[in-house]
Amino acid sequence: MMRYDRATAISKRHTQLLELVKSSSHSPKSLAERLGVSAPTVYRDVVFLRRQGHTIEPIRLSSNWVYQLASQIQIPEHKQGER
């Protein structure tokens, strides 16, 4: 694969990754399967996108980790008087 083709493929994968994370929470394994890459590649892509200013955050669920945009993270509200 030529450098230009490879760079284009990576750019498309980054765009797809952002769209998936925007649409819902996804585990690294799920993202890897959907994008046709390994979980470590997904991790590297997330690091790259975060360095570009995207607020992708890992969220710990009871059974695994998922990636989610920070603007979509749901923080439980405290009732008045609770701390």
Protein backbone atom coordinates (compact mmCIF):
# COMPACT_ATOMS: atom_id res chain seq x y z
CA MET A 1 0.00 0.00 0.00
CA MET A 2 1.35 3.41 -0.89
CA ARG A 3 1.86 6.03 1.83
CA TYR A 4 -1.00 8.20 0.57
CA ASP A 5 -3.37 5.22 0.50
CA ARG A 6 -2.33 4.19 4.01
CA ALA A 7 -2.75 7.73 5.35
CA THR A 8 -6.18 7.95 3.73
CA ALA A 9 -7.21 4.60 5.23
CA ILE A 10 -6.10 5.70 8.71
CA SER A 11 -7.93 9.01 8.36
CA LYS A 12 -11.12 7.18 7.34
CA ARG A 13 -10.73 4.82 10.31
CA HIS A 14 -10.37 7.80 12.67
CA THR A 15 -13.56 9.30 11.24
CA GLN A 16 -15.39 5.99 11.62
CA LEU A 17 -14.15 5.63 15.19
CA LEU A 18 -15.40 9.10 16.09
CA GLU A 19 -18.80 8.38 14.54
CA LEU A 20 -19.11 5.11 16.48
CA VAL A 21 -18.15 6.74 19.77
CA LYS A 22 -20.55 9.63 19.10
CA SER A 23 -23.43 7.26 18.45
CA SER A 24 -23.01 5.08 21.53
CA SER A 25 -20.59 3.64 24.07
CA HIS A 26 -18.39 0.88 22.65
CA SER A 27 -15.82 -1.41 24.19
CA PRO A 28 -12.36 -1.47 22.61
CA LYS A 29 -13.05 -5.04 21.45
CA SER A 30 -16.33 -4.01 19.81
CA LEU A 31 -14.68 -1.05 18.09
CA ALA A 32 -11.83 -3.26 16.87
CA GLU A 33 -14.27 -5.75 15.37
CA ARG A 34 -16.31 -3.04 13.66
CA LEU A 35 -13.22 -1.31 12.28
CA GLY A 36 -11.36 -4.49 11.31
CA VAL A 37 -8.31 -3.74 13.45
CA SER A 38 -6.84 -4.93 16.75
CA ALA A 39 -7.77 -3.55 20.18
CA PRO A 40 -4.26 -2.03 20.57
CA THR A 41 -4.82 -0.15 17.28
CA VAL A 42 -8.09 1.21 18.66
CA TYR A 43 -6.23 2.35 21.78
CA ARG A 44 -3.57 4.12 19.67
CA ASP A 45 -6.29 5.74 17.55
CA VAL A 46 -8.09 6.99 20.67
CA VAL A 47 -4.83 8.45 22.01
CA PHE A 48 -4.25 10.19 18.66
CA LEU A 49 -7.81 11.58 18.56
CA ARG A 50 -7.55 12.80 22.17
CA ARG A 51 -4.33 14.63 21.27
CA GLN A 52 -6.27 16.26 18.43
CA GLY A 53 -8.73 17.66 20.98
CA HIS A 54 -11.54 15.07 20.96
CA THR A 55 -12.84 14.32 24.43
CA ILE A 56 -13.03 10.54 24.25
CA GLU A 57 -12.98 9.06 27.73
CA PRO A 58 -12.74 5.49 29.00
CA ILE A 59 -15.65 4.61 31.28
CA ARG A 60 -15.60 1.61 33.64
CA LEU A 61 -18.77 -0.46 33.59
CA SER A 62 -19.43 -3.43 35.83
CA SER A 63 -18.10 -5.94 33.31
CA ASN A 64 -15.75 -3.98 31.03
CA TRP A 65 -14.49 -0.62 29.78
CA VAL A 66 -16.12 1.45 27.06
CA TYR A 67 -15.15 4.61 25.21
CA GLN A 68 -17.54 7.52 25.23
CA LEU A 69 -17.40 11.20 24.32
CA ALA A 70 -17.06 13.31 27.47
CA SER A 71 -20.12 15.36 26.43
CA GLN A 72 -22.18 12.14 26.59
CA ILE A 73 -20.98 10.94 29.99
CA GLN A 74 -23.87 10.82 32.40
CA ILE A 75 -22.92 11.96 35.87
CA PRO A 76 -25.48 11.03 38.51
CA GLU A 77 -27.16 14.09 39.95
CA HIS A 78 -27.08 14.59 43.71
CA LYS A 79 -30.28 15.32 45.50
CA GLN A 80 -30.38 18.58 47.35
CA GLY A 81 -28.64 18.22 50.67
CA GLU A 82 -26.51 15.20 49.57
CA ARG A 83 -22.76 15.36 49.25
